[in-house]
Amino acid sequence: MIGFHIKGRQKVYDGGVRATILLGNCIRCTAQNNYLEDTGSIGVTFGGSALEKNNYSDQGLIWHNVASGVAAANFAAVNSENLLLIENYVRRPGHHDPRFGGGVCGFDLETNTAADHSKNINVYNNLFDYEGAGLESAGNAICLQDPYEGPNHGKVTAANNVAIGGRSDLVHRYMSNGIFLVGLKKCEIVNNYVFRTGQNALQAYSLDGCLIQDNLFESTGGGGNSTMMLTNVTNSIFRRNNFISRPGVTINTQAGTVDKCGRGNVYEDNRGNAVMKTGDAKCQ
């Protein structure tokens, strides 16, 4: 699907059930050079049901699209292998007239059953811009969620992406988290830039064997939220990540990492970062 301008007129939110462009279990399909404007649900989705004949989308491409005012996940994968999300622009997420949704995630990898596929999901060189979002603190830039194990699940990479929670607005925090991770094994989160968040630049649960490296987190955290919040993360490497605060930003920020119930994690040459490890009986 190439070169469409789709302008929404729906005034009711369906909770992100439908998608404006739904490519399902499509093989070698592309969504590129499309402009989605003020639509009421998910923007572009790859993947359908995996429960019949083990179907899944394969070799998909989401490239050079603009999503503006999209209510739910702007781009999504629910059952896919070998998917490329490259050079897309997400702006002012969430429906504005009337206000609902919030953008939820600029890109959302969300497997729903163990039968779903999630191999070789690659998120590169995208801009997620929450300035002027429909609602405050109602969305994350990149959501990569795959809590299942087995042969259908594999490597997920997010590299060279930019996530901006605001520019000229000195008060509001439109983007909740920059990067939200759940259940990934051997993922790579490399060379991403996150600026201004309501909560964490990176929030992660139950990762194993991942590499988080060369990321720049600027003016993130705050209000009791650290820049990186890790829960049950194991055997992962955090290397050369830079934690800075921009002069003149009036919102409260909080550089640092909270590592809760982590095991076997390695921290190397992270700048401006203090790691606080916490544990309790629930970690056992």
C-alpha atoms as a PDB file:
ATOM      1  CA  MET A   1       0.000   0.000   0.000  1.00  0.00           C
ATOM      2  CA  ILE A   2       1.774   3.125  -1.232  1.00  0.00           C
ATOM      3  CA  GLY A   3       0.998   6.829  -1.308  1.00  0.00           C
ATOM      4  CA  PHE A   4      -2.409   7.136   0.361  1.00  0.00           C
ATOM      5  CA  HIS A   5      -3.597  10.119   2.437  1.00  0.00           C
ATOM      6  CA  ILE A   6      -6.249   8.842   4.848  1.00  0.00           C
ATOM      7  CA  LYS A   7      -8.089  11.410   6.970  1.00  0.00           C
ATOM      8  CA  GLY A   8     -10.246  10.113   9.805  1.00  0.00           C
ATOM      9  CA  ARG A   9     -13.756  11.265  10.626  1.00  0.00           C
ATOM     10  CA  GLN A  10     -14.593   8.825  13.424  1.00  0.00           C
ATOM     11  CA  LYS A  11     -15.526  10.556  16.701  1.00  0.00           C
ATOM     12  CA  VAL A  12     -15.675   7.468  18.927  1.00  0.00           C
ATOM     13  CA  TYR A  13     -12.706   5.491  20.250  1.00  0.00           C
ATOM     14  CA  ASP A  14     -12.855   1.708  19.881  1.00  0.00           C
ATOM     15  CA  GLY A  15      -9.901   1.038  22.209  1.00  0.00           C
ATOM     16  CA  GLY A  16      -7.473   0.154  19.458  1.00  0.00           C
ATOM     17  CA  VAL A  17      -9.289  -2.881  18.051  1.00  0.00           C
ATOM     18  CA  ARG A  18      -9.286  -2.003  14.355  1.00  0.00           C
ATOM     19  CA  ALA A  19      -6.576  -0.571  12.114  1.00  0.00           C
ATOM     20  CA  THR A  20      -6.699   1.937   9.273  1.00  0.00           C
ATOM     21  CA  ILE A  21      -4.255  -0.206   7.265  1.00  0.00           C
ATOM     22  CA  LEU A  22      -4.440  -3.898   8.228  1.00  0.00           C
ATOM     23  CA  LEU A  23      -2.114  -6.151   6.264  1.00  0.00           C
ATOM     24  CA  GLY A  24      -2.648  -9.306   8.331  1.00  0.00           C
ATOM     25  CA  ASN A  25      -0.529 -12.383   7.671  1.00  0.00           C
ATOM     26  CA  CYS A  26       0.857 -10.932   4.481  1.00  0.00           C
ATOM     27  CA  ILE A  27       4.094 -12.096   2.794  1.00  0.00           C
ATOM     28  CA  ARG A  28       6.472  -9.469   1.299  1.00  0.00           C
ATOM     29  CA  CYS A  29       4.045  -6.577   1.774  1.00  0.00           C
ATOM     30  CA  THR A  30       4.765  -2.894   2.274  1.00  0.00           C
ATOM     31  CA  ALA A  31       3.098   0.192   3.705  1.00  0.00           C
ATOM     32  CA  GLN A  32       5.079   3.209   2.540  1.00  0.00           C
ATOM     33  CA  ASN A  33       4.712   6.922   1.787  1.00  0.00           C
ATOM     34  CA  ASN A  34       1.265   7.000   3.406  1.00  0.00           C
ATOM     35  CA  TYR A  35      -0.147   9.853   5.498  1.00  0.00           C
ATOM     36  CA  LEU A  36      -2.607   8.923   8.266  1.00  0.00           C
ATOM     37  CA  GLU A  37      -4.326  12.002   9.707  1.00  0.00           C
ATOM     38  CA  ASP A  38      -6.586  12.109  12.799  1.00  0.00           C
ATOM     39  CA  THR A  39      -7.696   8.493  12.575  1.00  0.00           C
ATOM     40  CA  GLY A  40      -9.595   6.850  15.432  1.00  0.00           C
ATOM     41  CA  SER A  41      -7.783   3.563  15.998  1.00  0.00           C
ATOM     42  CA  ILE A  42      -4.507   1.764  15.195  1.00  0.00           C
ATOM     43  CA  GLY A  43      -2.642   3.171  12.199  1.00  0.00           C
ATOM     44  CA  VAL A  44      -0.833   0.308  10.399  1.00  0.00           C
ATOM     45  CA  THR A  45      -0.861  -3.324  11.621  1.00  0.00           C
ATOM     46  CA  PHE A  46       1.122  -6.311  10.398  1.00  0.00           C
ATOM     47  CA  GLY A  47       0.089  -9.782  11.551  1.00  0.00           C
ATOM     48  CA  GLY A  48      -3.204 -11.573  12.147  1.00  0.00           C
ATOM     49  CA  SER A  49      -4.171 -14.766  13.936  1.00  0.00           C
ATOM     50  CA  ALA A  50      -1.522 -17.471  14.341  1.00  0.00           C
ATOM     51  CA  LEU A  51      -3.940 -20.101  15.599  1.00  0.00           C
ATOM     52  CA  GLU A  52      -4.858 -21.468  12.174  1.00  0.00           C
ATOM     53  CA  LYS A  53      -2.093 -23.231  10.196  1.00  0.00           C
ATOM     54  CA  ASN A  54       0.610 -21.267  12.052  1.00  0.00           C
ATOM     55  CA  ASN A  55       0.236 -18.265   9.748  1.00  0.00           C
ATOM     56  CA  TYR A  56       2.184 -15.038  10.300  1.00  0.00           C
ATOM     57  CA  SER A  57       3.282 -11.979   8.374  1.00  0.00           C
ATOM     58  CA  ASP A  58       6.762 -12.273   6.888  1.00  0.00           C
ATOM     59  CA  GLN A  59       9.206  -9.849   5.214  1.00  0.00           C
ATOM     60  CA  GLY A  60       7.053  -6.786   5.829  1.00  0.00           C
ATOM     61  CA  LEU A  61       8.175  -3.169   5.399  1.00  0.00           C
ATOM     62  CA  ILE A  62       6.771  -0.020   7.057  1.00  0.00           C
ATOM     63  CA  TRP A  63       8.722   2.856   5.520  1.00  0.00           C
ATOM     64  CA  HIS A  64       8.439   6.635   5.055  1.00  0.00           C
ATOM     65  CA  ASN A  65       4.952   6.964   6.546  1.00  0.00           C
ATOM     66  CA  VAL A  66       3.601   9.917   8.532  1.00  0.00           C
ATOM     67  CA  ALA A  67       1.106   9.293  11.346  1.00  0.00           C
ATOM     68  CA  SER A  68      -0.498  12.451  12.772  1.00  0.00           C
ATOM     69  CA  GLY A  69      -3.211  12.451  15.421  1.00  0.00           C
ATOM     70  CA  VAL A  70      -3.580   8.661  15.423  1.00  0.00           C
ATOM     71  CA  ALA A  71      -5.548   7.548  18.491  1.00  0.00           C
ATOM     72  CA  ALA A  72      -4.020   4.135  19.237  1.00  0.00           C
ATOM     73  CA  ALA A  73      -0.713   2.508  18.290  1.00  0.00           C
ATOM     74  CA  ASN A  74       0.539   4.362  15.231  1.00  0.00           C
ATOM     75  CA  PHE A  75       2.321   1.272  13.870  1.00  0.00           C
ATOM     76  CA  ALA A  76       1.915  -2.254  15.235  1.00  0.00           C
ATOM     77  CA  ALA A  77       3.033  -5.857  14.829  1.00  0.00           C
ATOM     78  CA  VAL A  78       1.159  -8.677  16.533  1.00  0.00           C
ATOM     79  CA  ASN A  79       2.340 -11.799  14.674  1.00  0.00           C
ATOM     80  CA  SER A  80       5.317 -11.139  12.429  1.00  0.00           C
ATOM     81  CA  GLU A  81       8.796 -12.189  11.343  1.00  0.00           C
ATOM     82  CA  ASN A  82      11.416 -10.176   9.463  1.00  0.00           C
ATOM     83  CA  LEU A  83       9.607  -6.867   9.842  1.00  0.00           C
ATOM     84  CA  LEU A  84      11.342  -3.546   9.126  1.00  0.00           C
ATOM     85  CA  LEU A  85      10.024  -0.270  10.527  1.00  0.00           C
ATOM     86  CA  ILE A  86      12.248   2.420   8.995  1.00  0.00           C
ATOM     87  CA  GLU A  87      12.199   6.236   8.720  1.00  0.00           C
ATOM     88  CA  ASN A  88       8.617   6.842   9.812  1.00  0.00           C
ATOM     89  CA  TYR A  89       7.388  10.045  11.469  1.00  0.00           C
ATOM     90  CA  VAL A  90       4.923   9.934  14.357  1.00  0.00           C
ATOM     91  CA  ARG A  91       3.589  13.369  15.375  1.00  0.00           C
ATOM     92  CA  ARG A  92       0.985  14.806  17.810  1.00  0.00           C
ATOM     93  CA  PRO A  93      -0.289  11.326  18.842  1.00  0.00           C
ATOM     94  CA  GLY A  94      -3.807  10.830  20.112  1.00  0.00           C
ATOM     95  CA  HIS A  95      -7.124  11.938  18.661  1.00  0.00           C
ATOM     96  CA  HIS A  96      -7.641  15.686  19.079  1.00  0.00           C
ATOM     97  CA  ASP A  97     -11.307  16.386  18.196  1.00  0.00           C
ATOM     98  CA  PRO A  98     -12.662  14.998  20.457  1.00  0.00           C
ATOM     99  CA  ARG A  99      -9.707  13.988  22.596  1.00  0.00           C
ATOM    100  CA  PHE A 100      -9.268  10.266  23.164  1.00  0.00           C
ATOM    101  CA  GLY A 101      -6.614   7.594  22.888  1.00  0.00           C
ATOM    102  CA  GLY A 102      -3.275   9.218  23.409  1.00  0.00           C
ATOM    103  CA  GLY A 103      -1.143   7.495  20.833  1.00  0.00           C
ATOM    104  CA  VAL A 104      -0.447   4.634  23.235  1.00  0.00           C
ATOM    105  CA  CYS A 105       2.724   3.615  21.372  1.00  0.00           C
ATOM    106  CA  GLY A 106       4.433   5.059  18.332  1.00  0.00           C
ATOM    107  CA  PHE A 107       5.379   1.489  17.473  1.00  0.00           C
ATOM    108  CA  ASP A 108       3.866  -1.444  19.345  1.00  0.00           C
ATOM    109  CA  LEU A 109       5.169  -5.008  19.129  1.00  0.00           C
ATOM    110  CA  GLU A 110       2.611  -6.944  21.134  1.00  0.00           C
ATOM    111  CA  THR A 111       2.297 -10.704  20.844  1.00  0.00           C
ATOM    112  CA  ASN A 112      -0.960 -11.999  22.324  1.00  0.00           C
ATOM    113  CA  THR A 113      -0.350 -15.762  22.462  1.00  0.00           C
ATOM    114  CA  ALA A 114       2.646 -18.102  22.462  1.00  0.00           C
ATOM    115  CA  ALA A 115       1.663 -19.065  18.902  1.00  0.00           C
ATOM    116  CA  ASP A 116       2.349 -15.523  17.666  1.00  0.00           C
ATOM    117  CA  HIS A 117       5.661 -14.850  15.931  1.00  0.00           C
ATOM    118  CA  SER A 118       8.172 -12.129  16.813  1.00  0.00           C
ATOM    119  CA  LYS A 119      11.445 -12.966  15.054  1.00  0.00           C
ATOM    120  CA  ASN A 120      13.711 -10.320  13.558  1.00  0.00           C
ATOM    121  CA  ILE A 121      11.652  -7.248  14.376  1.00  0.00           C
ATOM    122  CA  ASN A 122      13.759  -4.207  13.478  1.00  0.00           C
ATOM    123  CA  VAL A 123      12.899  -0.598  14.392  1.00  0.00           C
ATOM    124  CA  TYR A 124      15.363   1.841  12.797  1.00  0.00           C
ATOM    125  CA  ASN A 125      15.702   5.606  12.252  1.00  0.00           C
ATOM    126  CA  ASN A 126      12.179   6.668  13.226  1.00  0.00           C
ATOM    127  CA  LEU A 127      11.063   9.973  14.776  1.00  0.00           C
ATOM    128  CA  PHE A 128       8.456   9.830  17.544  1.00  0.00           C
ATOM    129  CA  ASP A 129       7.388  13.401  18.330  1.00  0.00           C
ATOM    130  CA  TYR A 130       4.914  13.910  21.193  1.00  0.00           C
ATOM    131  CA  GLU A 131       4.879  17.709  21.069  1.00  0.00           C
ATOM    132  CA  GLY A 132       1.222  18.773  20.902  1.00  0.00           C
ATOM    133  CA  ALA A 133      -0.150  15.303  21.680  1.00  0.00           C
ATOM    134  CA  GLY A 134      -3.876  14.955  22.271  1.00  0.00           C
ATOM    135  CA  LEU A 135      -3.502  13.987  25.933  1.00  0.00           C
ATOM    136  CA  GLU A 136      -0.771  14.389  28.510  1.00  0.00           C
ATOM    137  CA  SER A 137       1.333  11.368  29.604  1.00  0.00           C
ATOM    138  CA  ALA A 138      -0.732   8.978  27.520  1.00  0.00           C
ATOM    139  CA  GLY A 139       1.810   7.283  25.304  1.00  0.00           C
ATOM    140  CA  ASN A 140       5.195   5.664  24.857  1.00  0.00           C
ATOM    141  CA  ALA A 141       7.409   6.073  21.816  1.00  0.00           C
ATOM    142  CA  ILE A 142       8.506   2.446  21.338  1.00  0.00           C
ATOM    143  CA  CYS A 143       6.751  -0.542  22.957  1.00  0.00           C
ATOM    144  CA  LEU A 144       8.383  -3.947  22.468  1.00  0.00           C
ATOM    145  CA  GLN A 145       6.398  -6.578  24.358  1.00  0.00           C
ATOM    146  CA  ASP A 146       6.850 -10.323  23.916  1.00  0.00           C
ATOM    147  CA  PRO A 147       6.498 -12.326  27.155  1.00  0.00           C
ATOM    148  CA  TYR A 148       6.368 -15.736  25.433  1.00  0.00           C
ATOM    149  CA  GLU A 149       9.075 -18.326  24.772  1.00  0.00           C
ATOM    150  CA  GLY A 150       9.546 -20.913  22.066  1.00  0.00           C
ATOM    151  CA  PRO A 151      10.636 -21.291  18.441  1.00  0.00           C
ATOM    152  CA  ASN A 152       8.359 -18.501  17.181  1.00  0.00           C
ATOM    153  CA  HIS A 153      10.138 -15.837  19.207  1.00  0.00           C
ATOM    154  CA  GLY A 154      13.483 -14.234  18.436  1.00  0.00           C
ATOM    155  CA  LYS A 155      15.608 -11.122  18.273  1.00  0.00           C
ATOM    156  CA  VAL A 156      14.129  -7.632  18.478  1.00  0.00           C
ATOM    157  CA  THR A 157      16.215  -4.523  17.719  1.00  0.00           C
ATOM    158  CA  ALA A 158      15.551  -0.790  18.143  1.00  0.00           C
ATOM    159  CA  ALA A 159      18.362   1.445  16.866  1.00  0.00           C
ATOM    160  CA  ASN A 160      18.931   5.062  15.850  1.00  0.00           C
ATOM    161  CA  ASN A 161      15.440   6.261  16.834  1.00  0.00           C
ATOM    162  CA  VAL A 162      14.541   9.702  18.208  1.00  0.00           C
ATOM    163  CA  ALA A 163      11.782  10.139  20.808  1.00  0.00           C
ATOM    164  CA  ILE A 164      10.797  13.670  21.813  1.00  0.00           C
ATOM    165  CA  GLY A 165       8.368  14.377  24.643  1.00  0.00           C
ATOM    166  CA  GLY A 166       8.067  18.082  23.941  1.00  0.00           C
ATOM    167  CA  ARG A 167       9.892  21.152  22.671  1.00  0.00           C
ATOM    168  CA  SER A 168       8.475  24.611  23.355  1.00  0.00           C
ATOM    169  CA  ASP A 169       5.980  23.534  26.019  1.00  0.00           C
ATOM    170  CA  LEU A 170       7.724  24.060  29.360  1.00  0.00           C
ATOM    171  CA  VAL A 171       5.057  22.474  31.537  1.00  0.00           C
ATOM    172  CA  HIS A 172       3.483  19.363  30.070  1.00  0.00           C
ATOM    173  CA  ARG A 173       4.943  15.880  29.752  1.00  0.00           C
ATOM    174  CA  TYR A 174       3.158  14.384  26.781  1.00  0.00           C
ATOM    175  CA  MET A 175       5.279  11.224  26.433  1.00  0.00           C
ATOM    176  CA  SER A 176       5.065   8.764  29.330  1.00  0.00           C
ATOM    177  CA  ASN A 177       8.073   6.582  28.509  1.00  0.00           C
ATOM    178  CA  GLY A 178      10.560   6.614  25.686  1.00  0.00           C
ATOM    179  CA  ILE A 179      11.167   2.867  25.371  1.00  0.00           C
ATOM    180  CA  PHE A 180       8.930   0.271  27.076  1.00  0.00           C
ATOM    181  CA  LEU A 181      10.167  -3.344  27.062  1.00  0.00           C
ATOM    182  CA  VAL A 182       8.578  -6.575  28.288  1.00  0.00           C
ATOM    183  CA  GLY A 183       9.837 -10.145  28.178  1.00  0.00           C
ATOM    184  CA  LEU A 184      12.436  -9.828  25.401  1.00  0.00           C
ATOM    185  CA  LYS A 185      15.346 -12.244  25.024  1.00  0.00           C
ATOM    186  CA  LYS A 186      18.651 -11.074  23.486  1.00  0.00           C
ATOM    187  CA  CYS A 187      17.198  -7.779  22.345  1.00  0.00           C
ATOM    188  CA  GLU A 188      19.338  -4.828  21.265  1.00  0.00           C
ATOM    189  CA  ILE A 189      18.438  -1.236  22.169  1.00  0.00           C
ATOM    190  CA  VAL A 190      21.247   0.809  20.623  1.00  0.00           C
ATOM    191  CA  ASN A 191      21.984   4.467  19.795  1.00  0.00           C
ATOM    192  CA  ASN A 192      18.537   5.883  20.524  1.00  0.00           C
ATOM    193  CA  TYR A 193      17.835   9.434  21.743  1.00  0.00           C
ATOM    194  CA  VAL A 194      15.058  10.147  24.263  1.00  0.00           C
ATOM    195  CA  PHE A 195      14.207  13.704  25.374  1.00  0.00           C
ATOM    196  CA  ARG A 196      11.674  14.655  28.084  1.00  0.00           C
ATOM    197  CA  THR A 197       9.506  11.945  29.591  1.00  0.00           C
ATOM    198  CA  GLY A 198       6.769  11.881  32.184  1.00  0.00           C
ATOM    199  CA  GLN A 199       8.139   8.662  33.632  1.00  0.00           C
ATOM    200  CA  ASN A 200      11.211   6.775  32.382  1.00  0.00           C
ATOM    201  CA  ALA A 201      13.381   7.009  29.309  1.00  0.00           C
ATOM    202  CA  LEU A 202      13.552   3.210  29.448  1.00  0.00           C
ATOM    203  CA  GLN A 203      11.182   0.995  31.442  1.00  0.00           C
ATOM    204  CA  ALA A 204      11.840  -2.757  31.243  1.00  0.00           C
ATOM    205  CA  TYR A 205      10.391  -5.941  32.704  1.00  0.00           C
ATOM    206  CA  SER A 206      11.757  -9.510  32.573  1.00  0.00           C
ATOM    207  CA  LEU A 207      14.436  -9.006  29.927  1.00  0.00           C
ATOM    208  CA  ASP A 208      17.130 -11.651  29.540  1.00  0.00           C
ATOM    209  CA  GLY A 209      20.439 -11.326  27.712  1.00  0.00           C
ATOM    210  CA  CYS A 210      19.755  -7.918  26.166  1.00  0.00           C
ATOM    211  CA  LEU A 211      22.179  -5.178  25.114  1.00  0.00           C
ATOM    212  CA  ILE A 212      21.318  -1.562  25.971  1.00  0.00           C
ATOM    213  CA  GLN A 213      24.151   0.525  24.571  1.00  0.00           C
ATOM    214  CA  ASP A 214      25.120   4.020  23.332  1.00  0.00           C
ATOM    215  CA  ASN A 215      21.749   5.606  24.112  1.00  0.00           C
ATOM    216  CA  LEU A 216      21.378   9.285  25.017  1.00  0.00           C
ATOM    217  CA  PHE A 217      18.743  10.066  27.645  1.00  0.00           C
ATOM    218  CA  GLU A 218      18.237  13.809  28.046  1.00  0.00           C
ATOM    219  CA  SER A 219      16.042  15.458  30.708  1.00  0.00           C
ATOM    220  CA  THR A 220      14.167  12.256  31.509  1.00  0.00           C
ATOM    221  CA  GLY A 221      12.680  10.756  34.654  1.00  0.00           C
ATOM    222  CA  GLY A 222      11.510  12.969  37.479  1.00  0.00           C
ATOM    223  CA  GLY A 223       8.790  12.988  40.103  1.00  0.00           C
ATOM    224  CA  GLY A 224      10.269   9.893  41.725  1.00  0.00           C
ATOM    225  CA  ASN A 225      10.869   8.117  38.408  1.00  0.00           C
ATOM    226  CA  SER A 226      14.437   7.294  37.423  1.00  0.00           C
ATOM    227  CA  THR A 227      15.691   7.525  33.850  1.00  0.00           C
ATOM    228  CA  MET A 228      15.892   3.712  33.630  1.00  0.00           C
ATOM    229  CA  MET A 229      13.515   1.513  35.642  1.00  0.00           C
ATOM    230  CA  LEU A 230      14.354  -2.190  35.464  1.00  0.00           C
ATOM    231  CA  THR A 231      12.351  -5.023  37.042  1.00  0.00           C
ATOM    232  CA  ASN A 232      13.446  -8.677  36.905  1.00  0.00           C
ATOM    233  CA  VAL A 233      16.023  -7.915  34.208  1.00  0.00           C
ATOM    234  CA  THR A 234      18.767 -10.535  33.993  1.00  0.00           C
ATOM    235  CA  ASN A 235      22.083 -11.143  32.214  1.00  0.00           C
ATOM    236  CA  SER A 236      21.909  -7.868  30.305  1.00  0.00           C
ATOM    237  CA  ILE A 237      24.612  -5.339  29.410  1.00  0.00           C
ATOM    238  CA  PHE A 238      24.187  -1.587  29.908  1.00  0.00           C
ATOM    239  CA  ARG A 239      27.105   0.113  28.193  1.00  0.00           C
ATOM    240  CA  ARG A 240      28.028   3.713  27.255  1.00  0.00           C
ATOM    241  CA  ASN A 241      24.596   5.189  27.918  1.00  0.00           C
ATOM    242  CA  ASN A 242      24.640   8.933  28.575  1.00  0.00           C
ATOM    243  CA  PHE A 243      22.333  10.583  31.132  1.00  0.00           C
ATOM    244  CA  ILE A 244      22.150  14.383  30.868  1.00  0.00           C
ATOM    245  CA  SER A 245      19.820  17.257  31.737  1.00  0.00           C
ATOM    246  CA  ARG A 246      19.331  20.275  29.484  1.00  0.00           C
ATOM    247  CA  PRO A 247      19.772  23.706  31.106  1.00  0.00           C
ATOM    248  CA  GLY A 248      16.562  25.690  31.148  1.00  0.00           C
ATOM    249  CA  VAL A 249      14.190  22.721  31.170  1.00  0.00           C
ATOM    250  CA  THR A 250      11.791  23.616  33.965  1.00  0.00           C
ATOM    251  CA  ILE A 251      10.329  20.171  34.606  1.00  0.00           C
ATOM    252  CA  ASN A 252      11.852  17.955  37.283  1.00  0.00           C
ATOM    253  CA  THR A 253      14.159  15.244  35.940  1.00  0.00           C
ATOM    254  CA  GLN A 254      15.968  12.340  37.568  1.00  0.00           C
ATOM    255  CA  ALA A 255      19.009  10.709  35.984  1.00  0.00           C
ATOM    256  CA  GLY A 256      19.899   7.243  37.225  1.00  0.00           C
ATOM    257  CA  THR A 257      18.854   3.613  37.156  1.00  0.00           C
ATOM    258  CA  VAL A 258      16.743   1.525  39.521  1.00  0.00           C
ATOM    259  CA  ASP A 259      17.552  -2.182  39.109  1.00  0.00           C
ATOM    260  CA  LYS A 260      14.907  -4.146  41.004  1.00  0.00           C
ATOM    261  CA  CYS A 261      15.369  -7.894  41.392  1.00  0.00           C
ATOM    262  CA  GLY A 262      18.032  -7.912  38.650  1.00  0.00           C
ATOM    263  CA  ARG A 263      20.615 -10.693  38.347  1.00  0.00           C
ATOM    264  CA  GLY A 264      23.791 -10.902  36.316  1.00  0.00           C
ATOM    265  CA  ASN A 265      23.508  -7.419  34.797  1.00  0.00           C
ATOM    266  CA  VAL A 266      26.677  -5.575  33.731  1.00  0.00           C
ATOM    267  CA  TYR A 267      27.081  -1.781  33.805  1.00  0.00           C
ATOM    268  CA  GLU A 268      30.013  -0.354  31.838  1.00  0.00           C
ATOM    269  CA  ASP A 269      31.023   3.278  31.195  1.00  0.00           C
ATOM    270  CA  ASN A 270      27.582   4.848  31.603  1.00  0.00           C
ATOM    271  CA  ARG A 271      27.876   8.628  32.009  1.00  0.00           C
ATOM    272  CA  GLY A 272      25.989  10.611  34.641  1.00  0.00           C
ATOM    273  CA  ASN A 273      24.315   7.453  35.930  1.00  0.00           C
ATOM    274  CA  ALA A 274      23.970   6.068  39.425  1.00  0.00           C
ATOM    275  CA  VAL A 275      22.635   2.522  39.762  1.00  0.00           C
ATOM    276  CA  MET A 276      20.439   1.681  42.737  1.00  0.00           C
ATOM    277  CA  LYS A 277      19.775  -2.023  43.144  1.00  0.00           C
ATOM    278  CA  THR A 278      16.769  -3.050  45.176  1.00  0.00           C
ATOM    279  CA  GLY A 279      15.469  -6.423  46.242  1.00  0.00           C
ATOM    280  CA  ASP A 280      12.901  -8.026  48.499  1.00  0.00           C
ATOM    281  CA  ALA A 281      11.369 -11.416  49.204  1.00  0.00           C
ATOM    282  CA  LYS A 282       9.467 -11.307  45.926  1.00  0.00           C
ATOM    283  CA  CYS A 283      12.767 -11.490  44.031  1.00  0.00           C
ATOM    284  CA  GLN A 284      13.425 -15.042  45.156  1.00  0.00           C
END
